[in-house]
């Protein structure tokens, strides 16, 4: 008996849509990261990208617990001396709520080329409308 190993050619990718309204940011991100990795499939292989496509809508209506709105800080640097920029979660949600969700999911994926390929299959929208109707995405229920 030989061990089955999946190959990128044998994978069948599906499209899922997730409604983020009222969902907690971290719990939503961990469930979406598992689908992007392909851990919900029986042929999961850690060194291959076998995951599905995920569309997240209503990213602006996400919620967080505790004092994270004021205490969680996002850092960026312009690569110039003194070019550090700090934004709190409240400011990031006002500026670009899609980026908040994308960064939360990205932090839960593998680092390197494998993770960069996985994050490309994530599409985040601030409102209820999305551009992936032609792919006929299935609704993915996230339960906590």
N, C-alpha and C. Protein backbone atom coordinates (compact mmCIF):
# COMPACT_ATOMS: atom_id res chain seq x y z
N UNK A 1 0.84 -1.18 0.00
CA UNK A 1 0.00 0.00 0.00
C UNK A 1 0.88 1.24 0.00
N UNK A 2 0.59 2.18 -0.88
CA UNK A 2 1.39 3.38 -0.98
C UNK A 2 0.64 4.57 -0.42
N UNK A 3 1.38 5.52 0.09
CA UNK A 3 0.79 6.74 0.64
C UNK A 3 0.39 7.66 -0.50
N UNK A 4 -0.83 8.18 -0.43
CA UNK A 4 -1.31 9.10 -1.46
C UNK A 4 -0.75 10.49 -1.20
N UNK A 5 -0.25 11.10 -2.24
CA UNK A 5 0.24 12.47 -2.14
C UNK A 5 -0.44 13.30 -3.23
N UNK A 6 -1.10 14.35 -2.83
CA UNK A 6 -1.81 15.19 -3.79
C UNK A 6 -0.83 15.98 -4.65
N UNK A 7 -1.28 16.34 -5.83
CA UNK A 7 -0.47 17.17 -6.72
C UNK A 7 -1.29 18.40 -7.10
N UNK A 8 -0.63 19.49 -7.48
CA UNK A 8 -1.38 20.70 -7.84
C UNK A 8 -2.34 20.49 -9.01
N UNK A 9 -2.03 19.55 -9.90
CA UNK A 9 -2.90 19.31 -11.05
C UNK A 9 -4.19 18.58 -10.65
N UNK A 10 -4.16 17.85 -9.54
CA UNK A 10 -5.32 17.04 -9.16
C UNK A 10 -6.32 17.78 -8.28
N UNK A 11 -6.01 19.02 -7.90
CA UNK A 11 -6.88 19.74 -6.96
C UNK A 11 -8.02 20.42 -7.71
N UNK A 12 -9.20 20.40 -7.10
CA UNK A 12 -10.34 21.12 -7.65
C UNK A 12 -10.68 22.25 -6.68
N UNK A 13 -10.57 23.47 -7.14
CA UNK A 13 -10.77 24.63 -6.28
C UNK A 13 -12.22 25.12 -6.36
N UNK A 14 -12.77 25.46 -5.20
CA UNK A 14 -14.11 26.01 -5.12
C UNK A 14 -14.03 27.48 -4.71
N UNK A 15 -15.14 28.17 -4.87
CA UNK A 15 -15.26 29.56 -4.45
C UNK A 15 -16.25 29.61 -3.29
N UNK A 16 -15.88 30.33 -2.24
CA UNK A 16 -16.74 30.51 -1.08
C UNK A 16 -16.92 32.00 -0.82
N UNK A 17 -18.10 32.38 -0.32
CA UNK A 17 -18.35 33.75 0.10
C UNK A 17 -18.69 33.73 1.59
N UNK A 18 -18.09 34.66 2.34
CA UNK A 18 -18.26 34.74 3.79
C UNK A 18 -18.79 36.13 4.11
N UNK A 19 -19.86 36.19 4.91
CA UNK A 19 -20.39 37.46 5.38
C UNK A 19 -19.75 37.78 6.72
N UNK A 20 -19.00 38.89 6.78
CA UNK A 20 -18.26 39.24 8.00
C UNK A 20 -19.06 40.09 8.96
N UNK A 21 -20.31 40.37 8.65
CA UNK A 21 -21.11 41.24 9.51
C UNK A 21 -21.33 40.60 10.88
N UNK A 22 -20.88 41.28 11.94
CA UNK A 22 -21.05 40.79 13.29
C UNK A 22 -20.05 39.73 13.71
N UNK A 23 -19.13 39.34 12.84
CA UNK A 23 -18.14 38.32 13.17
C UNK A 23 -16.96 38.96 13.91
N UNK A 24 -16.32 38.18 14.77
CA UNK A 24 -15.12 38.63 15.46
C UNK A 24 -13.94 38.48 14.51
N UNK A 25 -13.07 39.47 14.47
CA UNK A 25 -12.00 39.53 13.48
C UNK A 25 -11.08 38.31 13.52
N UNK A 26 -10.55 37.96 14.67
CA UNK A 26 -9.60 36.86 14.75
C UNK A 26 -10.20 35.50 14.45
N UNK A 27 -11.42 35.28 14.93
CA UNK A 27 -12.08 33.99 14.69
C UNK A 27 -12.42 33.83 13.22
N UNK A 28 -12.86 34.90 12.58
CA UNK A 28 -13.14 34.86 11.15
C UNK A 28 -11.86 34.60 10.37
N UNK A 29 -10.78 35.28 10.74
CA UNK A 29 -9.52 35.14 10.02
C UNK A 29 -8.96 33.73 10.12
N UNK A 30 -9.08 33.09 11.29
CA UNK A 30 -8.54 31.74 11.43
C UNK A 30 -9.31 30.73 10.60
N UNK A 31 -10.63 30.88 10.52
CA UNK A 31 -11.43 29.96 9.70
C UNK A 31 -11.15 30.16 8.21
N UNK A 32 -11.03 31.42 7.79
CA UNK A 32 -10.74 31.71 6.39
C UNK A 32 -9.34 31.22 6.02
N UNK A 33 -8.38 31.35 6.92
CA UNK A 33 -7.02 30.88 6.66
C UNK A 33 -6.98 29.37 6.46
N UNK A 34 -7.79 28.63 7.21
CA UNK A 34 -7.83 27.18 7.04
C UNK A 34 -8.37 26.80 5.67
N UNK A 35 -9.37 27.53 5.19
CA UNK A 35 -9.93 27.23 3.86
C UNK A 35 -8.91 27.60 2.78
N UNK A 36 -8.19 28.72 2.95
CA UNK A 36 -7.17 29.11 1.98
C UNK A 36 -6.02 28.11 1.93
N UNK A 37 -5.69 27.51 3.07
CA UNK A 37 -4.63 26.49 3.12
C UNK A 37 -5.08 25.17 2.54
N UNK A 38 -6.38 24.88 2.60
CA UNK A 38 -6.89 23.60 2.13
C UNK A 38 -7.02 22.58 3.24
N UNK A 39 -7.00 23.02 4.49
CA UNK A 39 -7.09 22.08 5.61
C UNK A 39 -8.48 21.48 5.76
N UNK A 40 -9.46 22.00 5.05
CA UNK A 40 -10.81 21.45 5.10
C UNK A 40 -10.99 20.29 4.11
N UNK A 41 -9.93 19.94 3.39
CA UNK A 41 -10.01 18.86 2.40
C UNK A 41 -9.30 17.62 2.92
N UNK A 42 -9.77 16.44 2.53
CA UNK A 42 -9.11 15.21 2.99
C UNK A 42 -7.74 14.98 2.36
N UNK A 43 -7.43 15.66 1.27
CA UNK A 43 -6.13 15.47 0.60
C UNK A 43 -5.13 16.55 0.99
N UNK A 44 -5.32 17.19 2.15
CA UNK A 44 -4.43 18.28 2.58
C UNK A 44 -2.98 17.83 2.59
N UNK A 45 -2.14 18.64 1.97
CA UNK A 45 -0.70 18.40 1.95
C UNK A 45 -0.02 19.70 2.38
N UNK A 46 0.80 19.67 3.44
CA UNK A 46 1.34 20.92 3.99
C UNK A 46 2.21 21.73 3.04
N UNK A 47 2.92 21.05 2.12
CA UNK A 47 3.86 21.78 1.27
C UNK A 47 3.28 22.21 -0.07
N UNK A 48 1.95 22.02 -0.27
CA UNK A 48 1.30 22.43 -1.51
C UNK A 48 0.14 23.37 -1.21
N UNK A 49 -0.15 24.22 -2.17
CA UNK A 49 -1.28 25.14 -2.07
C UNK A 49 -2.50 24.46 -2.68
N UNK A 50 -3.32 23.84 -1.85
CA UNK A 50 -4.50 23.12 -2.32
C UNK A 50 -5.80 23.82 -1.90
N UNK A 51 -5.70 25.04 -1.42
CA UNK A 51 -6.86 25.73 -0.86
C UNK A 51 -7.82 26.26 -1.89
N UNK A 52 -8.94 26.78 -1.38
CA UNK A 52 -10.01 27.31 -2.21
C UNK A 52 -9.97 28.84 -2.20
N UNK A 53 -10.77 29.44 -3.08
CA UNK A 53 -10.90 30.89 -3.14
C UNK A 53 -11.95 31.35 -2.13
N UNK A 54 -11.70 32.48 -1.48
CA UNK A 54 -12.63 33.00 -0.48
C UNK A 54 -12.91 34.48 -0.78
N UNK A 55 -14.19 34.85 -0.77
CA UNK A 55 -14.63 36.23 -0.93
C UNK A 55 -15.27 36.65 0.39
N UNK A 56 -14.76 37.71 1.00
CA UNK A 56 -15.31 38.21 2.25
C UNK A 56 -16.05 39.52 1.96
N UNK A 57 -17.33 39.60 2.35
CA UNK A 57 -18.12 40.81 2.16
C UNK A 57 -18.45 41.41 3.52
N UNK A 58 -18.83 42.67 3.53
CA UNK A 58 -19.17 43.42 4.75
C UNK A 58 -18.00 43.49 5.73
N UNK A 59 -16.81 43.73 5.21
CA UNK A 59 -15.63 43.83 6.07
C UNK A 59 -15.70 45.05 6.98
N UNK A 60 -16.45 46.06 6.60
CA UNK A 60 -16.54 47.26 7.44
C UNK A 60 -17.39 47.02 8.68
N UNK A 61 -18.14 45.91 8.74
CA UNK A 61 -19.02 45.64 9.87
C UNK A 61 -18.44 44.57 10.80
N UNK A 62 -17.13 44.38 10.74
CA UNK A 62 -16.46 43.40 11.60
C UNK A 62 -16.39 43.96 13.02
N UNK A 63 -16.31 43.08 14.01
CA UNK A 63 -16.21 43.56 15.38
C UNK A 63 -14.97 42.97 16.04
N UNK A 64 -14.50 43.66 17.08
CA UNK A 64 -13.38 43.18 17.87
C UNK A 64 -13.79 43.28 19.34
N UNK A 65 -13.08 42.55 20.19
CA UNK A 65 -13.42 42.53 21.60
C UNK A 65 -12.37 43.31 22.39
N UNK A 66 -12.72 43.64 23.59
CA UNK A 66 -11.78 44.31 24.49
C UNK A 66 -11.47 45.73 24.05
N UNK A 67 -10.24 46.16 24.31
CA UNK A 67 -9.80 47.52 23.99
C UNK A 67 -8.96 47.57 22.72
N UNK A 68 -9.14 46.58 21.84
CA UNK A 68 -8.30 46.49 20.65
C UNK A 68 -8.45 47.68 19.71
N UNK A 69 -9.63 48.30 19.68
CA UNK A 69 -9.83 49.44 18.78
C UNK A 69 -8.82 50.56 19.06
N UNK A 70 -8.43 50.74 20.30
CA UNK A 70 -7.50 51.81 20.64
C UNK A 70 -6.09 51.30 20.94
N UNK A 71 -5.94 50.03 21.33
CA UNK A 71 -4.63 49.54 21.74
C UNK A 71 -3.88 48.80 20.64
N UNK A 72 -4.59 48.22 19.67
CA UNK A 72 -3.90 47.51 18.58
C UNK A 72 -3.37 48.54 17.60
N UNK A 73 -2.07 48.45 17.30
CA UNK A 73 -1.40 49.44 16.45
C UNK A 73 -0.79 48.74 15.24
N UNK A 74 -1.01 49.30 14.06
CA UNK A 74 -0.41 48.83 12.82
C UNK A 74 0.77 49.74 12.48
N UNK A 75 1.93 49.14 12.22
CA UNK A 75 3.13 49.90 11.88
C UNK A 75 3.44 49.73 10.41
N UNK A 76 3.92 50.80 9.78
CA UNK A 76 4.45 50.72 8.42
C UNK A 76 5.65 51.64 8.33
N UNK A 77 6.54 51.34 7.41
CA UNK A 77 7.75 52.14 7.27
C UNK A 77 7.97 52.44 5.81
N UNK A 78 8.35 53.67 5.50
CA UNK A 78 8.54 54.12 4.12
C UNK A 78 9.93 53.82 3.58
N UNK A 79 10.79 53.19 4.37
CA UNK A 79 12.18 52.88 4.03
C UNK A 79 13.07 54.13 4.03
N UNK A 80 12.57 55.24 4.51
CA UNK A 80 13.37 56.45 4.70
C UNK A 80 13.55 56.67 6.20
N UNK A 81 14.59 57.39 6.56
CA UNK A 81 14.85 57.66 7.96
C UNK A 81 13.69 58.43 8.58
N UNK A 82 13.19 57.96 9.71
CA UNK A 82 12.06 58.60 10.37
C UNK A 82 10.74 58.35 9.67
N UNK A 83 10.66 57.33 8.82
CA UNK A 83 9.46 57.10 8.02
C UNK A 83 8.47 56.14 8.63
N UNK A 84 8.49 55.99 9.96
CA UNK A 84 7.55 55.09 10.61
C UNK A 84 6.17 55.74 10.75
N UNK A 85 5.14 55.00 10.38
CA UNK A 85 3.78 55.46 10.52
C UNK A 85 3.03 54.49 11.41
N UNK A 86 2.28 54.99 12.37
CA UNK A 86 1.50 54.16 13.28
C UNK A 86 0.03 54.53 13.13
N UNK A 87 -0.80 53.51 13.00
CA UNK A 87 -2.25 53.71 12.94
C UNK A 87 -2.90 52.73 13.91
N UNK A 88 -3.87 53.19 14.66
CA UNK A 88 -4.61 52.28 15.53
C UNK A 88 -5.65 51.52 14.70
N UNK A 89 -6.23 50.50 15.30
CA UNK A 89 -7.24 49.71 14.61
C UNK A 89 -8.45 50.57 14.25
N UNK A 90 -8.83 51.49 15.12
CA UNK A 90 -9.96 52.37 14.83
C UNK A 90 -9.69 53.22 13.59
N UNK A 91 -8.46 53.75 13.47
CA UNK A 91 -8.10 54.56 12.29
C UNK A 91 -8.04 53.70 11.04
N UNK A 92 -7.52 52.47 11.16
CA UNK A 92 -7.44 51.58 10.00
C UNK A 92 -8.82 51.18 9.51
N UNK A 93 -9.74 50.92 10.44
CA UNK A 93 -11.10 50.56 10.03
C UNK A 93 -11.78 51.72 9.32
N UNK A 94 -11.51 52.95 9.76
CA UNK A 94 -12.09 54.11 9.09
C UNK A 94 -11.45 54.33 7.72
N UNK A 95 -10.16 54.06 7.62
CA UNK A 95 -9.42 54.31 6.37
C UNK A 95 -9.66 53.20 5.35
N UNK A 96 -9.43 51.93 5.74
CA UNK A 96 -9.55 50.81 4.81
C UNK A 96 -9.88 49.54 5.58
N UNK A 97 -11.15 49.21 5.78
CA UNK A 97 -11.50 48.01 6.54
C UNK A 97 -11.09 46.71 5.85
N UNK A 98 -10.98 46.75 4.52
CA UNK A 98 -10.57 45.54 3.80
C UNK A 98 -9.13 45.15 4.15
N UNK A 99 -8.28 46.13 4.34
CA UNK A 99 -6.88 45.86 4.66
C UNK A 99 -6.75 45.26 6.05
N UNK A 100 -7.60 45.64 6.98
CA UNK A 100 -7.57 45.07 8.33
C UNK A 100 -7.84 43.57 8.28
N UNK A 101 -8.87 43.18 7.53
CA UNK A 101 -9.22 41.76 7.42
C UNK A 101 -8.13 41.01 6.67
N UNK A 102 -7.62 41.60 5.59
CA UNK A 102 -6.58 40.95 4.79
C UNK A 102 -5.32 40.70 5.62
N UNK A 103 -4.90 41.69 6.41
CA UNK A 103 -3.71 41.52 7.24
C UNK A 103 -3.91 40.48 8.34
N UNK A 104 -5.13 40.40 8.88
CA UNK A 104 -5.43 39.39 9.91
C UNK A 104 -5.32 37.98 9.34
N UNK A 105 -5.84 37.78 8.13
CA UNK A 105 -5.75 36.47 7.49
C UNK A 105 -4.32 36.17 7.07
N UNK A 106 -3.64 37.17 6.54
CA UNK A 106 -2.26 36.98 6.06
C UNK A 106 -1.33 36.54 7.20
N UNK A 107 -1.56 37.06 8.40
CA UNK A 107 -0.73 36.68 9.53
C UNK A 107 -0.91 35.24 9.96
N UNK A 108 -1.98 34.59 9.54
CA UNK A 108 -2.25 33.20 9.91
C UNK A 108 -1.87 32.21 8.82
N UNK A 109 -1.29 32.70 7.73
CA UNK A 109 -0.85 31.83 6.63
C UNK A 109 0.65 31.61 6.72
N UNK A 110 1.17 30.58 6.03
CA UNK A 110 2.61 30.36 6.04
C UNK A 110 3.36 31.54 5.43
N UNK A 111 4.58 31.76 5.90
CA UNK A 111 5.40 32.84 5.37
C UNK A 111 6.18 32.30 4.17
N UNK A 112 6.44 33.16 3.19
CA UNK A 112 7.21 32.77 2.02
C UNK A 112 6.34 32.63 0.79
N UNK A 113 6.87 32.01 -0.26
CA UNK A 113 6.14 31.91 -1.52
C UNK A 113 4.82 31.14 -1.41
N UNK A 114 4.77 30.14 -0.55
CA UNK A 114 3.54 29.37 -0.39
C UNK A 114 2.41 30.24 0.18
N UNK A 115 2.70 31.01 1.20
CA UNK A 115 1.71 31.90 1.80
C UNK A 115 1.30 33.02 0.87
N UNK A 116 2.25 33.54 0.08
CA UNK A 116 1.91 34.61 -0.86
C UNK A 116 0.96 34.11 -1.94
N UNK A 117 1.10 32.85 -2.34
CA UNK A 117 0.16 32.27 -3.30
C UNK A 117 -1.22 32.07 -2.71
N UNK A 118 -1.25 31.77 -1.40
CA UNK A 118 -2.53 31.54 -0.75
C UNK A 118 -3.29 32.84 -0.55
N UNK A 119 -2.61 33.92 -0.18
CA UNK A 119 -3.29 35.19 0.09
C UNK A 119 -3.84 35.80 -1.20
N UNK A 120 -3.30 35.41 -2.35
CA UNK A 120 -3.81 35.91 -3.63
C UNK A 120 -5.21 35.38 -3.93
N UNK A 121 -5.63 34.31 -3.25
CA UNK A 121 -6.95 33.74 -3.47
C UNK A 121 -8.01 34.35 -2.56
N UNK A 122 -7.63 35.38 -1.80
CA UNK A 122 -8.56 36.06 -0.90
C UNK A 122 -9.01 37.38 -1.53
N UNK A 123 -10.32 37.61 -1.53
CA UNK A 123 -10.90 38.85 -2.05
C UNK A 123 -11.78 39.44 -0.96
N UNK A 124 -11.49 40.68 -0.56
CA UNK A 124 -12.21 41.31 0.55
C UNK A 124 -12.91 42.57 0.05
N UNK A 125 -14.18 42.73 0.45
CA UNK A 125 -14.98 43.89 0.06
C UNK A 125 -15.60 44.51 1.30
N UNK A 126 -15.63 45.84 1.36
CA UNK A 126 -16.16 46.55 2.51
C UNK A 126 -17.68 46.46 2.59
N UNK A 127 -18.35 46.40 1.45
CA UNK A 127 -19.81 46.37 1.42
C UNK A 127 -20.34 44.99 1.07
N UNK A 128 -21.66 44.90 0.85
CA UNK A 128 -22.27 43.59 0.57
C UNK A 128 -22.11 43.11 -0.87
N UNK A 129 -21.67 43.97 -1.77
CA UNK A 129 -21.53 43.60 -3.18
C UNK A 129 -20.11 43.14 -3.47
N UNK A 130 -19.96 42.16 -4.38
CA UNK A 130 -18.64 41.70 -4.80
C UNK A 130 -18.64 41.42 -6.30
N UNK A 131 -17.44 41.29 -6.87
CA UNK A 131 -17.29 41.14 -8.32
C UNK A 131 -17.14 39.70 -8.76
N UNK A 132 -17.36 38.73 -7.90
CA UNK A 132 -17.13 37.33 -8.23
C UNK A 132 -18.43 36.54 -8.40
N UNK A 133 -19.50 37.17 -8.87
CA UNK A 133 -20.75 36.44 -9.07
C UNK A 133 -20.62 35.40 -10.17
N UNK A 134 -19.76 35.64 -11.17
CA UNK A 134 -19.62 34.71 -12.29
C UNK A 134 -19.05 33.37 -11.85
N UNK A 135 -18.32 33.33 -10.73
CA UNK A 135 -17.74 32.08 -10.24
C UNK A 135 -18.74 31.26 -9.42
N UNK A 136 -19.93 31.81 -9.16
CA UNK A 136 -20.98 31.16 -8.38
C UNK A 136 -20.45 30.64 -7.04
N UNK A 137 -20.01 31.56 -6.16
CA UNK A 137 -19.46 31.10 -4.88
C UNK A 137 -20.54 30.55 -3.95
N UNK A 138 -20.16 29.53 -3.19
CA UNK A 138 -21.05 28.94 -2.20
C UNK A 138 -20.90 29.73 -0.90
N UNK A 139 -21.95 29.76 -0.09
CA UNK A 139 -21.91 30.45 1.19
C UNK A 139 -21.18 29.55 2.19
N UNK A 140 -20.17 30.11 2.85
CA UNK A 140 -19.42 29.39 3.85
C UNK A 140 -19.87 29.86 5.22
N UNK A 141 -20.49 28.98 5.98
CA UNK A 141 -20.97 29.33 7.31
C UNK A 141 -19.83 29.18 8.31
N UNK A 142 -19.59 30.24 9.09
CA UNK A 142 -18.55 30.21 10.11
C UNK A 142 -19.25 30.19 11.45
N UNK A 143 -19.03 29.12 12.20
CA UNK A 143 -19.70 28.95 13.49
C UNK A 143 -18.68 28.98 14.60
N UNK A 144 -19.03 29.65 15.70
CA UNK A 144 -18.12 29.73 16.85
C UNK A 144 -18.79 29.18 18.07
